[in-house]
């Protein structure tokens, strides 16, 4: 639940599920061969709701959006 999610837990989820993939992708861009691609893994929880997964699903929705922007840029 939102009221029960600590800032420490939230920060950990951001670091692992959103910040990590963002900056790993940033580093990997210079290493990609022509036509190379980045693949990110998400979850159905970004598209449907289950109790107790609000923060986690929010981070995964962020990764899905980030991935769509990368695809639009041809990465």
PDB file of N, CA and C in Angstrom:
ATOM      1  N   UNK A   1       0.832  -1.182   0.000  1.00  0.00           N
ATOM      2  CA  UNK A   1       0.000   0.000   0.000  1.00  0.00           C
ATOM      3  C   UNK A   1       0.881   1.250   0.000  1.00  0.00           C
ATOM      4  N   UNK A   2       0.356   2.305  -0.540  1.00  0.00           N
ATOM      5  CA  UNK A   2       1.107   3.550  -0.609  1.00  0.00           C
ATOM      6  C   UNK A   2       1.499   4.006   0.794  1.00  0.00           C
ATOM      7  N   UNK A   3       0.573   3.966   1.721  1.00  0.00           N
ATOM      8  CA  UNK A   3       0.846   4.432   3.084  1.00  0.00           C
ATOM      9  C   UNK A   3       1.910   3.588   3.778  1.00  0.00           C
ATOM     10  N   UNK A   4       2.095   2.364   3.344  1.00  0.00           N
ATOM     11  CA  UNK A   4       3.045   1.459   3.990  1.00  0.00           C
ATOM     12  C   UNK A   4       4.390   1.366   3.273  1.00  0.00           C
ATOM     13  N   UNK A   5       4.546   2.030   2.139  1.00  0.00           N
ATOM     14  CA  UNK A   5       5.800   1.979   1.396  1.00  0.00           C
ATOM     15  C   UNK A   5       6.758   3.019   1.965  1.00  0.00           C
ATOM     16  N   UNK A   6       7.873   2.545   2.486  1.00  0.00           N
ATOM     17  CA  UNK A   6       8.854   3.467   3.056  1.00  0.00           C
ATOM     18  C   UNK A   6       9.628   4.163   1.950  1.00  0.00           C
ATOM     19  N   UNK A   7      10.236   5.275   2.295  1.00  0.00           N
ATOM     20  CA  UNK A   7      11.066   5.989   1.325  1.00  0.00           C
ATOM     21  C   UNK A   7      12.264   5.133   0.932  1.00  0.00           C
ATOM     22  N   UNK A   8      12.788   4.361   1.866  1.00  0.00           N
ATOM     23  CA  UNK A   8      13.918   3.474   1.572  1.00  0.00           C
ATOM     24  C   UNK A   8      13.521   2.421   0.549  1.00  0.00           C
ATOM     25  N   UNK A   9      12.368   1.812   0.723  1.00  0.00           N
ATOM     26  CA  UNK A   9      11.887   0.814  -0.236  1.00  0.00           C
ATOM     27  C   UNK A   9      11.648   1.450  -1.597  1.00  0.00           C
ATOM     28  N   UNK A  10      11.022   2.615  -1.599  1.00  0.00           N
ATOM     29  CA  UNK A  10      10.742   3.308  -2.851  1.00  0.00           C
ATOM     30  C   UNK A  10      12.049   3.650  -3.574  1.00  0.00           C
ATOM     31  N   UNK A  11      13.012   4.202  -2.840  1.00  0.00           N
ATOM     32  CA  UNK A  11      14.307   4.550  -3.441  1.00  0.00           C
ATOM     33  C   UNK A  11      15.004   3.317  -4.006  1.00  0.00           C
ATOM     34  N   UNK A  12      14.921   2.217  -3.304  1.00  0.00           N
ATOM     35  CA  UNK A  12      15.524   0.970  -3.784  1.00  0.00           C
ATOM     36  C   UNK A  12      14.879   0.526  -5.093  1.00  0.00           C
ATOM     37  N   UNK A  13      13.558   0.602  -5.158  1.00  0.00           N
ATOM     38  CA  UNK A  13      12.846   0.236  -6.387  1.00  0.00           C
ATOM     39  C   UNK A  13      13.231   1.157  -7.539  1.00  0.00           C
ATOM     40  N   UNK A  14      13.320   2.440  -7.285  1.00  0.00           N
ATOM     41  CA  UNK A  14      13.728   3.388  -8.328  1.00  0.00           C
ATOM     42  C   UNK A  14      15.127   3.040  -8.826  1.00  0.00           C
ATOM     43  N   UNK A  15      16.042   2.800  -7.885  1.00  0.00           N
ATOM     44  CA  UNK A  15      17.430   2.510  -8.262  1.00  0.00           C
ATOM     45  C   UNK A  15      17.551   1.237  -9.084  1.00  0.00           C
ATOM     46  N   UNK A  16      16.837   0.205  -8.706  1.00  0.00           N
ATOM     47  CA  UNK A  16      16.953  -1.097  -9.381  1.00  0.00           C
ATOM     48  C   UNK A  16      16.127  -1.142 -10.662  1.00  0.00           C
ATOM     49  N   UNK A  17      14.883  -0.713 -10.595  1.00  0.00           N
ATOM     50  CA  UNK A  17      13.947  -0.915 -11.700  1.00  0.00           C
ATOM     51  C   UNK A  17      13.949   0.201 -12.742  1.00  0.00           C
ATOM     52  N   UNK A  18      14.430   1.390 -12.396  1.00  0.00           N
ATOM     53  CA  UNK A  18      14.352   2.512 -13.335  1.00  0.00           C
ATOM     54  C   UNK A  18      15.721   3.163 -13.570  1.00  0.00           C
ATOM     55  N   UNK A  19      16.366   3.581 -12.521  1.00  0.00           N
ATOM     56  CA  UNK A  19      17.655   4.267 -12.653  1.00  0.00           C
ATOM     57  C   UNK A  19      18.726   3.342 -13.230  1.00  0.00           C
ATOM     58  N   UNK A  20      18.793   2.121 -12.746  1.00  0.00           N
ATOM     59  CA  UNK A  20      19.784   1.159 -13.243  1.00  0.00           C
ATOM     60  C   UNK A  20      19.683   0.940 -14.740  1.00  0.00           C
ATOM     61  N   UNK A  21      18.509   0.532 -15.240  1.00  0.00           N
ATOM     62  CA  UNK A  21      18.382   0.333 -16.686  1.00  0.00           C
ATOM     63  C   UNK A  21      18.642   1.601 -17.504  1.00  0.00           C
ATOM     64  N   UNK A  22      18.249   2.759 -16.981  1.00  0.00           N
ATOM     65  CA  UNK A  22      18.478   4.009 -17.701  1.00  0.00           C
ATOM     66  C   UNK A  22      19.974   4.240 -17.917  1.00  0.00           C
ATOM     67  N   UNK A  23      20.766   4.123 -16.844  1.00  0.00           N
ATOM     68  CA  UNK A  23      22.186   4.440 -16.958  1.00  0.00           C
ATOM     69  C   UNK A  23      23.003   3.307 -17.573  1.00  0.00           C
ATOM     70  N   UNK A  24      22.548   2.078 -17.445  1.00  0.00           N
ATOM     71  CA  UNK A  24      23.203   0.977 -18.173  1.00  0.00           C
ATOM     72  C   UNK A  24      22.998   1.184 -19.674  1.00  0.00           C
ATOM     73  N   UNK A  25      21.802   1.580 -20.052  1.00  0.00           N
ATOM     74  CA  UNK A  25      21.518   1.869 -21.463  1.00  0.00           C
ATOM     75  C   UNK A  25      22.401   3.011 -21.949  1.00  0.00           C
ATOM     76  N   UNK A  26      22.528   4.050 -21.159  1.00  0.00           N
ATOM     77  CA  UNK A  26      23.377   5.178 -21.526  1.00  0.00           C
ATOM     78  C   UNK A  26      24.804   4.724 -21.814  1.00  0.00           C
ATOM     79  N   UNK A  27      25.352   3.868 -20.964  1.00  0.00           N
ATOM     80  CA  UNK A  27      26.711   3.355 -21.162  1.00  0.00           C
ATOM     81  C   UNK A  27      26.797   2.425 -22.370  1.00  0.00           C
ATOM     82  N   UNK A  28      25.748   1.651 -22.599  1.00  0.00           N
ATOM     83  CA  UNK A  28      25.762   0.662 -23.682  1.00  0.00           C
ATOM     84  C   UNK A  28      25.640   1.279 -25.065  1.00  0.00           C
ATOM     85  N   UNK A  29      25.091   2.472 -25.167  1.00  0.00           N
ATOM     86  CA  UNK A  29      24.855   3.080 -26.481  1.00  0.00           C
ATOM     87  C   UNK A  29      26.121   3.159 -27.325  1.00  0.00           C
ATOM     88  N   UNK A  30      27.225   3.497 -26.708  1.00  0.00           N
ATOM     89  CA  UNK A  30      28.470   3.616 -27.474  1.00  0.00           C
ATOM     90  C   UNK A  30      29.036   2.246 -27.865  1.00  0.00           C
ATOM     91  N   UNK A  31      28.534   1.183 -27.272  1.00  0.00           N
ATOM     92  CA  UNK A  31      29.023  -0.161 -27.557  1.00  0.00           C
ATOM     93  C   UNK A  31      28.175  -0.923 -28.575  1.00  0.00           C
ATOM     94  N   UNK A  32      27.014  -0.378 -28.905  1.00  0.00           N
ATOM     95  CA  UNK A  32      26.116  -1.072 -29.837  1.00  0.00           C
ATOM     96  C   UNK A  32      26.677  -1.045 -31.253  1.00  0.00           C
ATOM     97  N   UNK A  33      26.613  -2.172 -31.910  1.00  0.00           N
ATOM     98  CA  UNK A  33      26.956  -2.232 -33.330  1.00  0.00           C
ATOM     99  C   UNK A  33      25.814  -1.623 -34.126  1.00  0.00           C
ATOM    100  N   UNK A  34      26.089  -1.303 -35.371  1.00  0.00           N
ATOM    101  CA  UNK A  34      25.053  -0.783 -36.250  1.00  0.00           C
ATOM    102  C   UNK A  34      23.867  -1.751 -36.260  1.00  0.00           C
ATOM    103  N   UNK A  35      22.687  -1.256 -36.011  1.00  0.00           N
ATOM    104  CA  UNK A  35      21.499  -2.108 -35.981  1.00  0.00           C
ATOM    105  C   UNK A  35      21.298  -2.804 -34.647  1.00  0.00           C
ATOM    106  N   UNK A  36      22.177  -2.562 -33.663  1.00  0.00           N
ATOM    107  CA  UNK A  36      22.033  -3.170 -32.342  1.00  0.00           C
ATOM    108  C   UNK A  36      20.799  -2.631 -31.636  1.00  0.00           C
ATOM    109  N   UNK A  37      20.296  -3.374 -30.698  1.00  0.00           N
ATOM    110  CA  UNK A  37      19.082  -2.990 -29.987  1.00  0.00           C
ATOM    111  C   UNK A  37      19.241  -3.209 -28.489  1.00  0.00           C
ATOM    112  N   UNK A  38      18.427  -2.507 -27.743  1.00  0.00           N
ATOM    113  CA  UNK A  38      18.322  -2.657 -26.299  1.00  0.00           C
ATOM    114  C   UNK A  38      16.978  -3.326 -26.028  1.00  0.00           C
ATOM    115  N   UNK A  39      16.957  -4.325 -25.186  1.00  0.00           N
ATOM    116  CA  UNK A  39      15.715  -4.994 -24.799  1.00  0.00           C
ATOM    117  C   UNK A  39      15.560  -4.845 -23.293  1.00  0.00           C
ATOM    118  N   UNK A  40      14.442  -4.283 -22.874  1.00  0.00           N
ATOM    119  CA  UNK A  40      14.126  -4.160 -21.455  1.00  0.00           C
ATOM    120  C   UNK A  40      12.970  -5.089 -21.122  1.00  0.00           C
ATOM    121  N   UNK A  41      13.008  -5.641 -19.937  1.00  0.00           N
ATOM    122  CA  UNK A  41      11.967  -6.553 -19.473  1.00  0.00           C
ATOM    123  C   UNK A  41      11.053  -5.814 -18.502  1.00  0.00           C
ATOM    124  N   UNK A  42       9.777  -5.980 -18.661  1.00  0.00           N
ATOM    125  CA  UNK A  42       8.812  -5.332 -17.784  1.00  0.00           C
ATOM    126  C   UNK A  42       7.890  -6.381 -17.163  1.00  0.00           C
ATOM    127  N   UNK A  43       6.671  -5.992 -16.878  1.00  0.00           N
ATOM    128  CA  UNK A  43       5.700  -6.869 -16.247  1.00  0.00           C
ATOM    129  C   UNK A  43       4.299  -6.448 -16.646  1.00  0.00           C
ATOM    130  N   UNK A  44       3.399  -7.381 -16.614  1.00  0.00           N
ATOM    131  CA  UNK A  44       1.996  -7.061 -16.858  1.00  0.00           C
ATOM    132  C   UNK A  44       1.428  -6.113 -15.813  1.00  0.00           C
ATOM    133  N   UNK A  45       2.096  -6.034 -14.664  1.00  0.00           N
ATOM    134  CA  UNK A  45       1.624  -5.151 -13.602  1.00  0.00           C
ATOM    135  C   UNK A  45       1.670  -3.684 -14.008  1.00  0.00           C
ATOM    136  N   UNK A  46       2.354  -3.366 -15.091  1.00  0.00           N
ATOM    137  CA  UNK A  46       2.343  -2.000 -15.605  1.00  0.00           C
ATOM    138  C   UNK A  46       1.053  -1.713 -16.366  1.00  0.00           C
ATOM    139  N   UNK A  47       0.291  -2.758 -16.677  1.00  0.00           N
ATOM    140  CA  UNK A  47      -0.941  -2.603 -17.449  1.00  0.00           C
ATOM    141  C   UNK A  47      -2.196  -3.034 -16.704  1.00  0.00           C
ATOM    142  N   UNK A  48      -2.058  -3.773 -15.603  1.00  0.00           N
ATOM    143  CA  UNK A  48      -3.210  -4.117 -14.773  1.00  0.00           C
ATOM    144  C   UNK A  48      -2.793  -4.009 -13.309  1.00  0.00           C
ATOM    145  N   UNK A  49      -3.749  -3.984 -12.436  1.00  0.00           N
ATOM    146  CA  UNK A  49      -3.468  -3.681 -11.025  1.00  0.00           C
ATOM    147  C   UNK A  49      -3.696  -4.883 -10.119  1.00  0.00           C
ATOM    148  N   UNK A  50      -2.774  -5.048  -9.185  1.00  0.00           N
ATOM    149  CA  UNK A  50      -2.918  -6.017  -8.097  1.00  0.00           C
ATOM    150  C   UNK A  50      -2.527  -5.316  -6.804  1.00  0.00           C
ATOM    151  N   UNK A  51      -3.183  -5.634  -5.722  1.00  0.00           N
ATOM    152  CA  UNK A  51      -2.840  -4.997  -4.448  1.00  0.00           C
ATOM    153  C   UNK A  51      -1.374  -5.248  -4.075  1.00  0.00           C
ATOM    154  N   UNK A  52      -0.737  -4.219  -3.547  1.00  0.00           N
ATOM    155  CA  UNK A  52       0.612  -4.367  -3.032  1.00  0.00           C
ATOM    156  C   UNK A  52       1.744  -4.131  -4.014  1.00  0.00           C
ATOM    157  N   UNK A  53       1.437  -3.804  -5.252  1.00  0.00           N
ATOM    158  CA  UNK A  53       2.480  -3.653  -6.266  1.00  0.00           C
ATOM    159  C   UNK A  53       2.549  -2.242  -6.850  1.00  0.00           C
ATOM    160  N   UNK A  54       1.991  -1.268  -6.191  1.00  0.00           N
ATOM    161  CA  UNK A  54       1.898   0.085  -6.753  1.00  0.00           C
ATOM    162  C   UNK A  54       3.256   0.672  -7.112  1.00  0.00           C
ATOM    163  N   UNK A  55       4.165   0.666  -6.170  1.00  0.00           N
ATOM    164  CA  UNK A  55       5.479   1.289  -6.416  1.00  0.00           C
ATOM    165  C   UNK A  55       6.249   0.521  -7.493  1.00  0.00           C
ATOM    166  N   UNK A  56       6.307  -0.796  -7.373  1.00  0.00           N
ATOM    167  CA  UNK A  56       7.017  -1.633  -8.349  1.00  0.00           C
ATOM    168  C   UNK A  56       6.443  -1.437  -9.753  1.00  0.00           C
ATOM    169  N   UNK A  57       5.123  -1.485  -9.864  1.00  0.00           N
ATOM    170  CA  UNK A  57       4.476  -1.338 -11.169  1.00  0.00           C
ATOM    171  C   UNK A  57       4.727   0.047 -11.753  1.00  0.00           C
ATOM    172  N   UNK A  58       4.805   1.059 -10.905  1.00  0.00           N
ATOM    173  CA  UNK A  58       5.100   2.414 -11.383  1.00  0.00           C
ATOM    174  C   UNK A  58       6.479   2.488 -12.030  1.00  0.00           C
ATOM    175  N   UNK A  59       7.452   1.802 -11.415  1.00  0.00           N
ATOM    176  CA  UNK A  59       8.805   1.799 -11.991  1.00  0.00           C
ATOM    177  C   UNK A  59       8.829   1.056 -13.322  1.00  0.00           C
ATOM    178  N   UNK A  60       8.120  -0.054 -13.392  1.00  0.00           N
ATOM    179  CA  UNK A  60       8.067  -0.830 -14.637  1.00  0.00           C
ATOM    180  C   UNK A  60       7.359  -0.049 -15.738  1.00  0.00           C
ATOM    181  N   UNK A  61       6.337   0.706 -15.380  1.00  0.00           N
ATOM    182  CA  UNK A  61       5.670   1.561 -16.369  1.00  0.00           C
ATOM    183  C   UNK A  61       6.653   2.618 -16.875  1.00  0.00           C
ATOM    184  N   UNK A  62       7.499   3.110 -15.991  1.00  0.00           N
ATOM    185  CA  UNK A  62       8.534   4.060 -16.398  1.00  0.00           C
ATOM    186  C   UNK A  62       9.506   3.451 -17.390  1.00  0.00           C
ATOM    187  N   UNK A  63       9.908   2.201 -17.151  1.00  0.00           N
ATOM    188  CA  UNK A  63      10.822   1.514 -18.077  1.00  0.00           C
ATOM    189  C   UNK A  63      10.146   1.286 -19.423  1.00  0.00           C
ATOM    190  N   UNK A  64       8.869   0.948 -19.401  1.00  0.00           N
ATOM    191  CA  UNK A  64       8.156   0.765 -20.674  1.00  0.00           C
ATOM    192  C   UNK A  64       8.122   2.067 -21.468  1.00  0.00           C
ATOM    193  N   UNK A  65       7.891   3.179 -20.800  1.00  0.00           N
ATOM    194  CA  UNK A  65       7.878   4.473 -21.473  1.00  0.00           C
ATOM    195  C   UNK A  65       9.267   4.816 -22.003  1.00  0.00           C
ATOM    196  N   UNK A  66      10.282   4.622 -21.182  1.00  0.00           N
ATOM    197  CA  UNK A  66      11.671   4.847 -21.594  1.00  0.00           C
ATOM    198  C   UNK A  66      12.001   4.020 -22.832  1.00  0.00           C
ATOM    199  N   UNK A  67      11.597   2.762 -22.841  1.00  0.00           N
ATOM    200  CA  UNK A  67      11.873   1.862 -23.959  1.00  0.00           C
ATOM    201  C   UNK A  67      11.165   2.332 -25.230  1.00  0.00           C
ATOM    202  N   UNK A  68       9.932   2.803 -25.097  1.00  0.00           N
ATOM    203  CA  UNK A  68       9.210   3.335 -26.258  1.00  0.00           C
ATOM    204  C   UNK A  68       9.934   4.559 -26.837  1.00  0.00           C
ATOM    205  N   UNK A  69      10.454   5.409 -25.979  1.00  0.00           N
ATOM    206  CA  UNK A  69      11.206   6.571 -26.458  1.00  0.00           C
ATOM    207  C   UNK A  69      12.496   6.153 -27.153  1.00  0.00           C
ATOM    208  N   UNK A  70      13.171   5.150 -26.614  1.00  0.00           N
ATOM    209  CA  UNK A  70      14.372   4.634 -27.281  1.00  0.00           C
ATOM    210  C   UNK A  70      14.029   4.092 -28.663  1.00  0.00           C
ATOM    211  N   UNK A  71      12.951   3.335 -28.742  1.00  0.00           N
ATOM    212  CA  UNK A  71      12.532   2.752 -30.021  1.00  0.00           C
ATOM    213  C   UNK A  71      12.202   3.850 -31.022  1.00  0.00           C
ATOM    214  N   UNK A  72      11.548   4.880 -30.566  1.00  0.00           N
ATOM    215  CA  UNK A  72      11.190   5.994 -31.439  1.00  0.00           C
ATOM    216  C   UNK A  72      12.437   6.686 -31.998  1.00  0.00           C
ATOM    217  N   UNK A  73      13.506   6.681 -31.189  1.00  0.00           N
ATOM    218  CA  UNK A  73      14.764   7.298 -31.609  1.00  0.00           C
ATOM    219  C   UNK A  73      15.615   6.336 -32.450  1.00  0.00           C
ATOM    220  N   UNK A  74      15.115   5.105 -32.645  1.00  0.00           N
ATOM    221  CA  UNK A  74      15.836   4.137 -33.456  1.00  0.00           C
ATOM    222  C   UNK A  74      16.934   3.409 -32.706  1.00  0.00           C
ATOM    223  N   UNK A  75      16.826   3.344 -31.391  1.00  0.00           N
ATOM    224  CA  UNK A  75      17.851   2.680 -30.581  1.00  0.00           C
ATOM    225  C   UNK A  75      17.325   1.325 -30.135  1.00  0.00           C
TER     226      UNK A  75
END
